[in-house]
Amino acid sequence: MEKIISCCGINCASCDARIATINGDNELKKKTAENWRVTYNAPHITDEMINCTGCREEGTKFAHCSKCEIRNCADGKGYKTCDECSEIESCKTLSFVLTNVPGTLENLKSLI
């Protein structure tokens, strides 16, 4: 399976938002928005917001990306991803993703 690892360790290649965007799948966009509203307690997420080609890929980004603390931290330190940081396992900024998205720490460590 293809891997496109984001700053925080999410595999964008398996992310429903990216898959829906790349394939122009409006039904998957709708399902993803519904899921994310519940999963992330984010009632403001709409189907139209589900557009992303991947955190570190060229193209459109999910609305949250521009204000993502994790992405901004990595960019500010000159890192492509959090795997380059010595505080990866103790980082409070990254902890939500590491706790709530299975496989993210393993994805980041696979880049080392």
PDB file of N, CA and C in Angstrom:
ATOM      1  N   MET A   1       0.838  -1.188   0.000  1.00  0.00           N
ATOM      2  CA  MET A   1       0.000   0.000   0.000  1.00  0.00           C
ATOM      3  C   MET A   1       0.883   1.252   0.000  1.00  0.00           C
ATOM      4  N   GLU A   2       0.497   2.202  -0.788  1.00  0.00           N
ATOM      5  CA  GLU A   2       1.217   3.467  -0.878  1.00  0.00           C
ATOM      6  C   GLU A   2       1.153   4.209   0.448  1.00  0.00           C
ATOM      7  N   LYS A   3       2.242   4.884   0.792  1.00  0.00           N
ATOM      8  CA  LYS A   3       2.246   5.710   1.991  1.00  0.00           C
ATOM      9  C   LYS A   3       2.644   7.130   1.610  1.00  0.00           C
ATOM     10  N   ILE A   4       1.850   8.070   2.070  1.00  0.00           N
ATOM     11  CA  ILE A   4       2.145   9.496   1.945  1.00  0.00           C
ATOM     12  C   ILE A   4       1.977  10.034   3.361  1.00  0.00           C
ATOM     13  N   ILE A   5       3.072  10.164   4.090  1.00  0.00           N
ATOM     14  CA  ILE A   5       3.010  10.497   5.507  1.00  0.00           C
ATOM     15  C   ILE A   5       2.974  12.012   5.709  1.00  0.00           C
ATOM     16  N   SER A   6       1.965  12.448   6.442  1.00  0.00           N
ATOM     17  CA  SER A   6       1.788  13.870   6.756  1.00  0.00           C
ATOM     18  C   SER A   6       2.751  14.282   7.868  1.00  0.00           C
ATOM     19  N   CYS A   7       2.746  15.557   8.183  1.00  0.00           N
ATOM     20  CA  CYS A   7       3.593  16.078   9.262  1.00  0.00           C
ATOM     21  C   CYS A   7       3.383  15.315  10.565  1.00  0.00           C
ATOM     22  N   CYS A   8       2.124  14.982  10.861  1.00  0.00           N
ATOM     23  CA  CYS A   8       1.777  14.360  12.139  1.00  0.00           C
ATOM     24  C   CYS A   8       1.790  12.842  12.111  1.00  0.00           C
ATOM     25  N   GLY A   9       2.012  12.241  10.956  1.00  0.00           N
ATOM     26  CA  GLY A   9       2.086  10.795  10.876  1.00  0.00           C
ATOM     27  C   GLY A   9       0.888  10.119  10.253  1.00  0.00           C
ATOM     28  N   ILE A  10      -0.152  10.880   9.936  1.00  0.00           N
ATOM     29  CA  ILE A  10      -1.298  10.282   9.254  1.00  0.00           C
ATOM     30  C   ILE A  10      -0.856   9.870   7.850  1.00  0.00           C
ATOM     31  N   ASN A  11      -1.300   8.697   7.420  1.00  0.00           N
ATOM     32  CA  ASN A  11      -1.005   8.251   6.066  1.00  0.00           C
ATOM     33  C   ASN A  11      -2.066   8.839   5.133  1.00  0.00           C
ATOM     34  N   CYS A  12      -1.720   9.899   4.454  1.00  0.00           N
ATOM     35  CA  CYS A  12      -2.667  10.587   3.576  1.00  0.00           C
ATOM     36  C   CYS A  12      -3.172   9.678   2.457  1.00  0.00           C
ATOM     37  N   ALA A  13      -2.375   8.698   2.063  1.00  0.00           N
ATOM     38  CA  ALA A  13      -2.785   7.800   0.983  1.00  0.00           C
ATOM     39  C   ALA A  13      -4.030   7.009   1.362  1.00  0.00           C
ATOM     40  N   SER A  14      -4.257   6.794   2.657  1.00  0.00           N
ATOM     41  CA  SER A  14      -5.433   6.044   3.088  1.00  0.00           C
ATOM     42  C   SER A  14      -6.497   6.944   3.717  1.00  0.00           C
ATOM     43  N   CYS A  15      -6.308   8.259   3.645  1.00  0.00           N
ATOM     44  CA  CYS A  15      -7.261   9.208   4.221  1.00  0.00           C
ATOM     45  C   CYS A  15      -8.458   9.381   3.282  1.00  0.00           C
ATOM     46  N   ASP A  16      -9.659   9.233   3.836  1.00  0.00           N
ATOM     47  CA  ASP A  16     -10.867   9.354   3.023  1.00  0.00           C
ATOM     48  C   ASP A  16     -11.002  10.720   2.360  1.00  0.00           C
ATOM     49  N   ALA A  17     -10.523  11.776   3.010  1.00  0.00           N
ATOM     50  CA  ALA A  17     -10.611  13.108   2.406  1.00  0.00           C
ATOM     51  C   ALA A  17      -9.760  13.178   1.138  1.00  0.00           C
ATOM     52  N   ARG A  18      -8.548  12.640   1.200  1.00  0.00           N
ATOM     53  CA  ARG A  18      -7.674  12.643   0.029  1.00  0.00           C
ATOM     54  C   ARG A  18      -8.238  11.741  -1.062  1.00  0.00           C
ATOM     55  N   ILE A  19      -8.682  10.553  -0.681  1.00  0.00           N
ATOM     56  CA  ILE A  19      -9.232   9.616  -1.652  1.00  0.00           C
ATOM     57  C   ILE A  19     -10.438  10.236  -2.361  1.00  0.00           C
ATOM     58  N   ALA A  20     -11.321  10.863  -1.595  1.00  0.00           N
ATOM     59  CA  ALA A  20     -12.507  11.505  -2.178  1.00  0.00           C
ATOM     60  C   ALA A  20     -12.117  12.645  -3.102  1.00  0.00           C
ATOM     61  N   THR A  21     -11.117  13.420  -2.713  1.00  0.00           N
ATOM     62  CA  THR A  21     -10.663  14.546  -3.527  1.00  0.00           C
ATOM     63  C   THR A  21     -10.053  14.061  -4.835  1.00  0.00           C
ATOM     64  N   ILE A  22      -9.135  13.120  -4.739  1.00  0.00           N
ATOM     65  CA  ILE A  22      -8.442  12.605  -5.926  1.00  0.00           C
ATOM     66  C   ILE A  22      -9.427  11.964  -6.903  1.00  0.00           C
ATOM     67  N   ASN A  23     -10.429  11.255  -6.358  1.00  0.00           N
ATOM     68  CA  ASN A  23     -11.387  10.539  -7.204  1.00  0.00           C
ATOM     69  C   ASN A  23     -12.654  11.329  -7.530  1.00  0.00           C
ATOM     70  N   GLY A  24     -12.784  12.546  -6.986  1.00  0.00           N
ATOM     71  CA  GLY A  24     -13.988  13.344  -7.217  1.00  0.00           C
ATOM     72  C   GLY A  24     -15.235  12.640  -6.696  1.00  0.00           C
ATOM     73  N   ASP A  25     -15.099  11.961  -5.572  1.00  0.00           N
ATOM     74  CA  ASP A  25     -16.172  11.143  -5.001  1.00  0.00           C
ATOM     75  C   ASP A  25     -16.975  11.946  -3.978  1.00  0.00           C
ATOM     76  N   ASN A  26     -18.056  12.559  -4.431  1.00  0.00           N
ATOM     77  CA  ASN A  26     -18.873  13.407  -3.552  1.00  0.00           C
ATOM     78  C   ASN A  26     -19.569  12.621  -2.453  1.00  0.00           C
ATOM     79  N   GLU A  27     -19.916  11.377  -2.712  1.00  0.00           N
ATOM     80  CA  GLU A  27     -20.552  10.553  -1.682  1.00  0.00           C
ATOM     81  C   GLU A  27     -19.558  10.269  -0.550  1.00  0.00           C
ATOM     82  N   LEU A  28     -18.310   9.989  -0.886  1.00  0.00           N
ATOM     83  CA  LEU A  28     -17.288   9.766   0.141  1.00  0.00           C
ATOM     84  C   LEU A  28     -16.995  11.058   0.896  1.00  0.00           C
ATOM     85  N   LYS A  29     -17.033  12.199   0.210  1.00  0.00           N
ATOM     86  CA  LYS A  29     -16.864  13.485   0.886  1.00  0.00           C
ATOM     87  C   LYS A  29     -17.954  13.675   1.931  1.00  0.00           C
ATOM     88  N   LYS A  30     -19.184  13.343   1.559  1.00  0.00           N
ATOM     89  CA  LYS A  30     -20.313  13.477   2.472  1.00  0.00           C
ATOM     90  C   LYS A  30     -20.140  12.560   3.686  1.00  0.00           C
ATOM     91  N   LYS A  31     -19.780  11.304   3.444  1.00  0.00           N
ATOM     92  CA  LYS A  31     -19.579  10.340   4.536  1.00  0.00           C
ATOM     93  C   LYS A  31     -18.421  10.764   5.434  1.00  0.00           C
ATOM     94  N   THR A  32     -17.362  11.273   4.840  1.00  0.00           N
ATOM     95  CA  THR A  32     -16.199  11.720   5.610  1.00  0.00           C
ATOM     96  C   THR A  32     -16.566  12.903   6.494  1.00  0.00           C
ATOM     97  N   ALA A  33     -17.298  13.854   5.945  1.00  0.00           N
ATOM     98  CA  ALA A  33     -17.731  15.014   6.739  1.00  0.00           C
ATOM     99  C   ALA A  33     -18.589  14.561   7.915  1.00  0.00           C
ATOM    100  N   GLU A  34     -19.523  13.654   7.652  1.00  0.00           N
ATOM    101  CA  GLU A  34     -20.382  13.137   8.730  1.00  0.00           C
ATOM    102  C   GLU A  34     -19.547  12.467   9.812  1.00  0.00           C
ATOM    103  N   ASN A  35     -18.611  11.637   9.394  1.00  0.00           N
ATOM    104  CA  ASN A  35     -17.742  10.926  10.335  1.00  0.00           C
ATOM    105  C   ASN A  35     -16.883  11.892  11.148  1.00  0.00           C
ATOM    106  N   TRP A  36     -16.260  12.854  10.486  1.00  0.00           N
ATOM    107  CA  TRP A  36     -15.378  13.789  11.176  1.00  0.00           C
ATOM    108  C   TRP A  36     -16.150  14.706  12.125  1.00  0.00           C
ATOM    109  N   ARG A  37     -17.377  15.060  11.774  1.00  0.00           N
ATOM    110  CA  ARG A  37     -18.179  15.886  12.685  1.00  0.00           C
ATOM    111  C   ARG A  37     -18.340  15.189  14.027  1.00  0.00           C
ATOM    112  N   VAL A  38     -18.570  13.888  13.992  1.00  0.00           N
ATOM    113  CA  VAL A  38     -18.758  13.109  15.221  1.00  0.00           C
ATOM    114  C   VAL A  38     -17.414  12.787  15.876  1.00  0.00           C
ATOM    115  N   THR A  39     -16.510  12.213  15.109  1.00  0.00           N
ATOM    116  CA  THR A  39     -15.224  11.765  15.639  1.00  0.00           C
ATOM    117  C   THR A  39     -14.428  12.888  16.290  1.00  0.00           C
ATOM    118  N   TYR A  40     -14.409  14.053  15.659  1.00  0.00           N
ATOM    119  CA  TYR A  40     -13.600  15.169  16.147  1.00  0.00           C
ATOM    120  C   TYR A  40     -14.428  16.255  16.822  1.00  0.00           C
ATOM    121  N   ASN A  41     -15.707  15.938  17.096  1.00  0.00           N
ATOM    122  CA  ASN A  41     -16.605  16.898  17.745  1.00  0.00           C
ATOM    123  C   ASN A  41     -16.510  18.256  17.036  1.00  0.00           C
ATOM    124  N   ALA A  42     -16.702  18.204  15.731  1.00  0.00           N
ATOM    125  CA  ALA A  42     -16.547  19.386  14.885  1.00  0.00           C
ATOM    126  C   ALA A  42     -17.778  19.561  14.003  1.00  0.00           C
ATOM    127  N   PRO A  43     -18.874  20.042  14.590  1.00  0.00           N
ATOM    128  CA  PRO A  43     -20.129  20.153  13.836  1.00  0.00           C
ATOM    129  C   PRO A  43     -20.060  21.114  12.647  1.00  0.00           C
ATOM    130  N   HIS A  44     -19.028  21.945  12.583  1.00  0.00           N
ATOM    131  CA  HIS A  44     -18.894  22.927  11.502  1.00  0.00           C
ATOM    132  C   HIS A  44     -18.385  22.326  10.188  1.00  0.00           C
ATOM    133  N   ILE A  45     -17.893  21.089  10.209  1.00  0.00           N
ATOM    134  CA  ILE A  45     -17.339  20.488   8.992  1.00  0.00           C
ATOM    135  C   ILE A  45     -18.463  20.161   8.006  1.00  0.00           C
ATOM    136  N   THR A  46     -18.297  20.655   6.779  1.00  0.00           N
ATOM    137  CA  THR A  46     -19.279  20.414   5.725  1.00  0.00           C
ATOM    138  C   THR A  46     -18.669  19.528   4.637  1.00  0.00           C
ATOM    139  N   ASP A  47     -19.521  18.985   3.791  1.00  0.00           N
ATOM    140  CA  ASP A  47     -19.059  18.158   2.672  1.00  0.00           C
ATOM    141  C   ASP A  47     -18.087  18.952   1.788  1.00  0.00           C
ATOM    142  N   GLU A  48     -18.402  20.229   1.586  1.00  0.00           N
ATOM    143  CA  GLU A  48     -17.586  21.081   0.722  1.00  0.00           C
ATOM    144  C   GLU A  48     -16.174  21.301   1.266  1.00  0.00           C
ATOM    145  N   MET A  49     -16.001  21.133   2.564  1.00  0.00           N
ATOM    146  CA  MET A  49     -14.687  21.323   3.176  1.00  0.00           C
ATOM    147  C   MET A  49     -13.767  20.124   2.957  1.00  0.00           C
ATOM    148  N   ILE A  50     -14.331  19.009   2.559  1.00  0.00           N
ATOM    149  CA  ILE A  50     -13.545  17.788   2.373  1.00  0.00           C
ATOM    150  C   ILE A  50     -12.865  17.837   1.014  1.00  0.00           C
ATOM    151  N   ASN A  51     -11.766  18.554   0.958  1.00  0.00           N
ATOM    152  CA  ASN A  51     -10.928  18.697  -0.223  1.00  0.00           C
ATOM    153  C   ASN A  51      -9.484  18.757   0.235  1.00  0.00           C
ATOM    154  N   CYS A  52      -8.708  17.729  -0.093  1.00  0.00           N
ATOM    155  CA  CYS A  52      -7.313  17.707   0.337  1.00  0.00           C
ATOM    156  C   CYS A  52      -6.543  16.714  -0.512  1.00  0.00           C
ATOM    157  N   THR A  53      -5.368  17.119  -0.944  1.00  0.00           N
ATOM    158  CA  THR A  53      -4.496  16.221  -1.699  1.00  0.00           C
ATOM    159  C   THR A  53      -3.392  15.651  -0.817  1.00  0.00           C
ATOM    160  N   GLY A  54      -3.339  16.107   0.435  1.00  0.00           N
ATOM    161  CA  GLY A  54      -2.333  15.621   1.379  1.00  0.00           C
ATOM    162  C   GLY A  54      -1.543  16.768   1.964  1.00  0.00           C
ATOM    163  N   CYS A  55      -1.219  16.659   3.215  1.00  0.00           N
ATOM    164  CA  CYS A  55      -0.552  17.713   3.984  1.00  0.00           C
ATOM    165  C   CYS A  55       0.717  18.238   3.310  1.00  0.00           C
ATOM    166  N   ARG A  56       1.527  17.322   2.798  1.00  0.00           N
ATOM    167  CA  ARG A  56       2.805  17.723   2.220  1.00  0.00           C
ATOM    168  C   ARG A  56       2.828  17.597   0.697  1.00  0.00           C
ATOM    169  N   GLU A  57       1.666  17.400   0.107  1.00  0.00           N
ATOM    170  CA  GLU A  57       1.557  17.246  -1.342  1.00  0.00           C
ATOM    171  C   GLU A  57       1.111  18.565  -1.974  1.00  0.00           C
ATOM    172  N   GLU A  58       1.399  18.711  -3.254  1.00  0.00           N
ATOM    173  CA  GLU A  58       0.916  19.871  -3.997  1.00  0.00           C
ATOM    174  C   GLU A  58      -0.597  19.793  -4.111  1.00  0.00           C
ATOM    175  N   GLY A  59      -1.245  20.923  -4.162  1.00  0.00           N
ATOM    176  CA  GLY A  59      -2.681  20.952  -4.384  1.00  0.00           C
ATOM    177  C   GLY A  59      -3.452  21.454  -3.182  1.00  0.00           C
ATOM    178  N   THR A  60      -4.742  21.278  -3.251  1.00  0.00           N
ATOM    179  CA  THR A  60      -5.653  21.800  -2.237  1.00  0.00           C
ATOM    180  C   THR A  60      -5.443  21.116  -0.883  1.00  0.00           C
ATOM    181  N   LYS A  61      -5.722  21.857   0.164  1.00  0.00           N
ATOM    182  CA  LYS A  61      -5.586  21.349   1.531  1.00  0.00           C
ATOM    183  C   LYS A  61      -6.909  21.493   2.259  1.00  0.00           C
ATOM    184  N   PHE A  62      -7.135  20.597   3.216  1.00  0.00           N
ATOM    185  CA  PHE A  62      -8.283  20.711   4.100  1.00  0.00           C
ATOM    186  C   PHE A  62      -8.171  22.043   4.838  1.00  0.00           C
ATOM    187  N   ALA A  63      -9.269  22.692   5.108  1.00  0.00           N
ATOM    188  CA  ALA A  63      -9.283  24.031   5.713  1.00  0.00           C
ATOM    189  C   ALA A  63      -8.441  24.112   6.984  1.00  0.00           C
ATOM    190  N   HIS A  64      -8.405  23.054   7.764  1.00  0.00           N
ATOM    191  CA  HIS A  64      -7.659  23.059   9.023  1.00  0.00           C
ATOM    192  C   HIS A  64      -6.145  23.160   8.818  1.00  0.00           C
ATOM    193  N   CYS A  65      -5.647  22.712   7.683  1.00  0.00           N
ATOM    194  CA  CYS A  65      -4.198  22.641   7.459  1.00  0.00           C
ATOM    195  C   CYS A  65      -3.484  23.978   7.658  1.00  0.00           C
ATOM    196  N   SER A  66      -4.087  25.060   7.231  1.00  0.00           N
ATOM    197  CA  SER A  66      -3.413  26.363   7.335  1.00  0.00           C
ATOM    198  C   SER A  66      -3.229  26.812   8.780  1.00  0.00           C
ATOM    199  N   LYS A  67      -4.067  26.296   9.674  1.00  0.00           N
ATOM    200  CA  LYS A  67      -3.928  26.674  11.079  1.00  0.00           C
ATOM    201  C   LYS A  67      -3.536  25.494  11.970  1.00  0.00           C
ATOM    202  N   CYS A  68      -3.157  24.390  11.359  1.00  0.00           N
ATOM    203  CA  CYS A  68      -2.771  23.192  12.101  1.00  0.00           C
ATOM    204  C   CYS A  68      -1.506  23.465  12.923  1.00  0.00           C
ATOM    205  N   GLU A  69      -1.628  23.348  14.229  1.00  0.00           N
ATOM    206  CA  GLU A  69      -0.495  23.615  15.118  1.00  0.00           C
ATOM    207  C   GLU A  69       0.671  22.672  14.840  1.00  0.00           C
ATOM    208  N   ILE A  70       0.360  21.431  14.522  1.00  0.00           N
ATOM    209  CA  ILE A  70       1.410  20.446  14.267  1.00  0.00           C
ATOM    210  C   ILE A  70       2.177  20.815  12.996  1.00  0.00           C
ATOM    211  N   ARG A  71       1.458  21.070  11.936  1.00  0.00           N
ATOM    212  CA  ARG A  71       2.080  21.430  10.656  1.00  0.00           C
ATOM    213  C   ARG A  71       2.873  22.727  10.791  1.00  0.00           C
ATOM    214  N   ASN A  72       2.297  23.713  11.457  1.00  0.00           N
ATOM    215  CA  ASN A  72       2.989  24.991  11.642  1.00  0.00           C
ATOM    216  C   ASN A  72       4.240  24.841  12.505  1.00  0.00           C
ATOM    217  N   CYS A  73       4.180  23.973  13.506  1.00  0.00           N
ATOM    218  CA  CYS A  73       5.352  23.726  14.349  1.00  0.00           C
ATOM    219  C   CYS A  73       6.465  23.080  13.525  1.00  0.00           C
ATOM    220  N   ALA A  74       6.123  22.026  12.788  1.00  0.00           N
ATOM    221  CA  ALA A  74       7.124  21.349  11.960  1.00  0.00           C
ATOM    222  C   ALA A  74       7.727  22.316  10.940  1.00  0.00           C
ATOM    223  N   ASP A  75       6.864  23.078  10.259  1.00  0.00           N
ATOM    224  CA  ASP A  75       7.360  24.057   9.284  1.00  0.00           C
ATOM    225  C   ASP A  75       8.257  25.087   9.950  1.00  0.00           C
ATOM    226  N   GLY A  76       7.865  25.549  11.135  1.00  0.00           N
ATOM    227  CA  GLY A  76       8.637  26.557  11.862  1.00  0.00           C
ATOM    228  C   GLY A  76      10.019  26.070  12.264  1.00  0.00           C
ATOM    229  N   LYS A  77      10.132  24.773  12.493  1.00  0.00           N
ATOM    230  CA  LYS A  77      11.423  24.183  12.867  1.00  0.00           C
ATOM    231  C   LYS A  77      12.211  23.715  11.643  1.00  0.00           C
ATOM    232  N   GLY A  78      11.608  23.877  10.462  1.00  0.00           N
ATOM    233  CA  GLY A  78      12.273  23.453   9.240  1.00  0.00           C
ATOM    234  C   GLY A  78      12.189  21.952   8.999  1.00  0.00           C
ATOM    235  N   TYR A  79      11.220  21.280   9.630  1.00  0.00           N
ATOM    236  CA  TYR A  79      11.049  19.836   9.481  1.00  0.00           C
ATOM    237  C   TYR A  79       9.987  19.533   8.436  1.00  0.00           C
ATOM    238  N   LYS A  80      10.162  18.426   7.740  1.00  0.00           N
ATOM    239  CA  LYS A  80       9.112  17.950   6.832  1.00  0.00           C
ATOM    240  C   LYS A  80       8.013  17.276   7.633  1.00  0.00           C
ATOM    241  N   THR A  81       8.410  16.472   8.621  1.00  0.00           N
ATOM    242  CA  THR A  81       7.454  15.780   9.485  1.00  0.00           C
ATOM    243  C   THR A  81       7.987  15.783  10.917  1.00  0.00           C
ATOM    244  N   CYS A  82       7.152  15.368  11.835  1.00  0.00           N
ATOM    245  CA  CYS A  82       7.520  15.344  13.249  1.00  0.00           C
ATOM    246  C   CYS A  82       8.560  14.287  13.577  1.00  0.00           C
ATOM    247  N   ASP A  83       8.856  13.376  12.649  1.00  0.00           N
ATOM    248  CA  ASP A  83       9.872  12.355  12.929  1.00  0.00           C
ATOM    249  C   ASP A  83      11.253  12.978  13.130  1.00  0.00           C
ATOM    250  N   GLU A  84      11.445  14.187  12.650  1.00  0.00           N
ATOM    251  CA  GLU A  84      12.739  14.854  12.774  1.00  0.00           C
ATOM    252  C   GLU A  84      12.948  15.505  14.144  1.00  0.00           C
ATOM    253  N   CYS A  85      11.895  15.548  14.954  1.00  0.00           N
ATOM    254  CA  CYS A  85      11.950  16.225  16.243  1.00  0.00           C
ATOM    255  C   CYS A  85      12.286  15.254  17.372  1.00  0.00           C
ATOM    256  N   SER A  86      13.163  15.677  18.261  1.00  0.00           N
ATOM    257  CA  SER A  86      13.567  14.824  19.388  1.00  0.00           C
ATOM    258  C   SER A  86      12.470  14.699  20.442  1.00  0.00           C
ATOM    259  N   GLU A  87      11.452  15.551  20.375  1.00  0.00           N
ATOM    260  CA  GLU A  87      10.370  15.525  21.369  1.00  0.00           C
ATOM    261  C   GLU A  87       9.134  14.786  20.874  1.00  0.00           C
ATOM    262  N   ILE A  88       9.272  13.997  19.843  1.00  0.00           N
ATOM    263  CA  ILE A  88       8.127  13.378  19.173  1.00  0.00           C
ATOM    264  C   ILE A  88       7.182  12.649  20.130  1.00  0.00           C
ATOM    265  N   GLU A  89       7.696  11.851  21.044  1.00  0.00           N
ATOM    266  CA  GLU A  89       6.824  11.044  21.905  1.00  0.00           C
ATOM    267  C   GLU A  89       6.293  11.811  23.110  1.00  0.00           C
ATOM    268  N   SER A  90       6.886  12.942  23.441  1.00  0.00           N
ATOM    269  CA  SER A  90       6.419  13.718  24.593  1.00  0.00           C
ATOM    270  C   SER A  90       5.731  15.022  24.189  1.00  0.00           C
ATOM    271  N   CYS A  91       5.571  15.244  22.904  1.00  0.00           N
ATOM    272  CA  CYS A  91       5.012  16.495  22.393  1.00  0.00           C
ATOM    273  C   CYS A  91       3.526  16.624  22.710  1.00  0.00           C
ATOM    274  N   LYS A  92       3.170  17.706  23.390  1.00  0.00           N
ATOM    275  CA  LYS A  92       1.764  17.947  23.722  1.00  0.00           C
ATOM    276  C   LYS A  92       0.965  18.338  22.488  1.00  0.00           C
ATOM    277  N   THR A  93       1.588  18.986  21.529  1.00  0.00           N
ATOM    278  CA  THR A  93       0.904  19.392  20.312  1.00  0.00           C
ATOM    279  C   THR A  93       0.528  18.168  19.481  1.00  0.00           C
ATOM    280  N   LEU A  94       1.380  17.186  19.438  1.00  0.00           N
ATOM    281  CA  LEU A  94       1.179  15.982  18.634  1.00  0.00           C
ATOM    282  C   LEU A  94       0.373  14.910  19.359  1.00  0.00           C
ATOM    283  N   SER A  95       0.245  15.014  20.664  1.00  0.00           N
ATOM    284  CA  SER A  95      -0.340  13.934  21.471  1.00  0.00           C
ATOM    285  C   SER A  95      -1.753  13.539  21.060  1.00  0.00           C
ATOM    286  N   PHE A  96      -2.595  14.489  20.662  1.00  0.00           N
ATOM    287  CA  PHE A  96      -3.966  14.153  20.266  1.00  0.00           C
ATOM    288  C   PHE A  96      -3.966  13.181  19.087  1.00  0.00           C
ATOM    289  N   VAL A  97      -3.157  13.473  18.095  1.00  0.00           N
ATOM    290  CA  VAL A  97      -3.101  12.611  16.910  1.00  0.00           C
ATOM    291  C   VAL A  97      -2.523  11.251  17.289  1.00  0.00           C
ATOM    292  N   LEU A  98      -1.443  11.230  18.038  1.00  0.00           N
ATOM    293  CA  LEU A  98      -0.828   9.965  18.422  1.00  0.00           C
ATOM    294  C   LEU A  98      -1.782   9.099  19.226  1.00  0.00           C
ATOM    295  N   THR A  99      -2.624   9.729  20.025  1.00  0.00           N
ATOM    296  CA  THR A  99      -3.572   9.008  20.864  1.00  0.00           C
ATOM    297  C   THR A  99      -4.808   8.556  20.091  1.00  0.00           C
ATOM    298  N   ASN A 100      -5.265   9.362  19.145  1.00  0.00           N
ATOM    299  CA  ASN A 100      -6.557   9.117  18.491  1.00  0.00           C
ATOM    300  C   ASN A 100      -6.506   8.562  17.074  1.00  0.00           C
ATOM    301  N   VAL A 101      -5.346   8.552  16.473  1.00  0.00           N
ATOM    302  CA  VAL A 101      -5.235   8.031  15.107  1.00  0.00           C
ATOM    303  C   VAL A 101      -4.221   6.889  15.104  1.00  0.00           C
ATOM    304  N   PRO A 102      -4.713   5.654  15.115  1.00  0.00           N
ATOM    305  CA  PRO A 102      -3.814   4.498  15.177  1.00  0.00           C
ATOM    306  C   PRO A 102      -2.779   4.490  14.051  1.00  0.00           C
ATOM    307  N   GLY A 103      -1.566   4.116  14.400  1.00  0.00           N
ATOM    308  CA  GLY A 103      -0.504   3.952  13.420  1.00  0.00           C
ATOM    309  C   GLY A 103       0.329   5.177  13.136  1.00  0.00           C
ATOM    310  N   THR A 104      -0.046   6.327  13.697  1.00  0.00           N
ATOM    311  CA  THR A 104       0.681   7.555  13.346  1.00  0.00           C
ATOM    312  C   THR A 104       2.121   7.548  13.862  1.00  0.00           C
ATOM    313  N   LEU A 105       2.337   7.109  15.085  1.00  0.00           N
ATOM    314  CA  LEU A 105       3.708   7.076  15.616  1.00  0.00           C
ATOM    315  C   LEU A 105       4.560   6.096  14.804  1.00  0.00           C
ATOM    316  N   GLU A 106       3.993   4.952  14.479  1.00  0.00           N
ATOM    317  CA  GLU A 106       4.708   3.971  13.668  1.00  0.00           C
ATOM    318  C   GLU A 106       5.041   4.540  12.294  1.00  0.00           C
ATOM    319  N   ASN A 107       4.088   5.274  11.702  1.00  0.00           N
ATOM    320  CA  ASN A 107       4.341   5.901  10.409  1.00  0.00           C
ATOM    321  C   ASN A 107       5.502   6.873  10.488  1.00  0.00           C
ATOM    322  N   LEU A 108       5.513   7.696  11.535  1.00  0.00           N
ATOM    323  CA  LEU A 108       6.604   8.666  11.689  1.00  0.00           C
ATOM    324  C   LEU A 108       7.936   7.971  11.926  1.00  0.00           C
ATOM    325  N   LYS A 109       7.935   6.956  12.766  1.00  0.00           N
ATOM    326  CA  LYS A 109       9.191   6.243  13.055  1.00  0.00           C
ATOM    327  C   LYS A 109       9.704   5.496  11.837  1.00  0.00           C
ATOM    328  N   SER A 110       8.818   5.135  10.901  1.00  0.00           N
ATOM    329  CA  SER A 110       9.252   4.431   9.693  1.00  0.00           C
ATOM    330  C   SER A 110      10.045   5.365   8.770  1.00  0.00           C
ATOM    331  N   LEU A 111       9.930   6.676   9.001  1.00  0.00           N
ATOM    332  CA  LEU A 111      10.647   7.661   8.176  1.00  0.00           C
ATOM    333  C   LEU A 111      12.065   7.910   8.666  1.00  0.00           C
ATOM    334  N   ILE A 112      12.345   7.510   9.892  1.00  0.00           N
ATOM    335  CA  ILE A 112      13.666   7.776  10.498  1.00  0.00           C
ATOM    336  C   ILE A 112      14.738   6.967   9.819  1.00  0.00           C
TER     337      ILE A 112
END
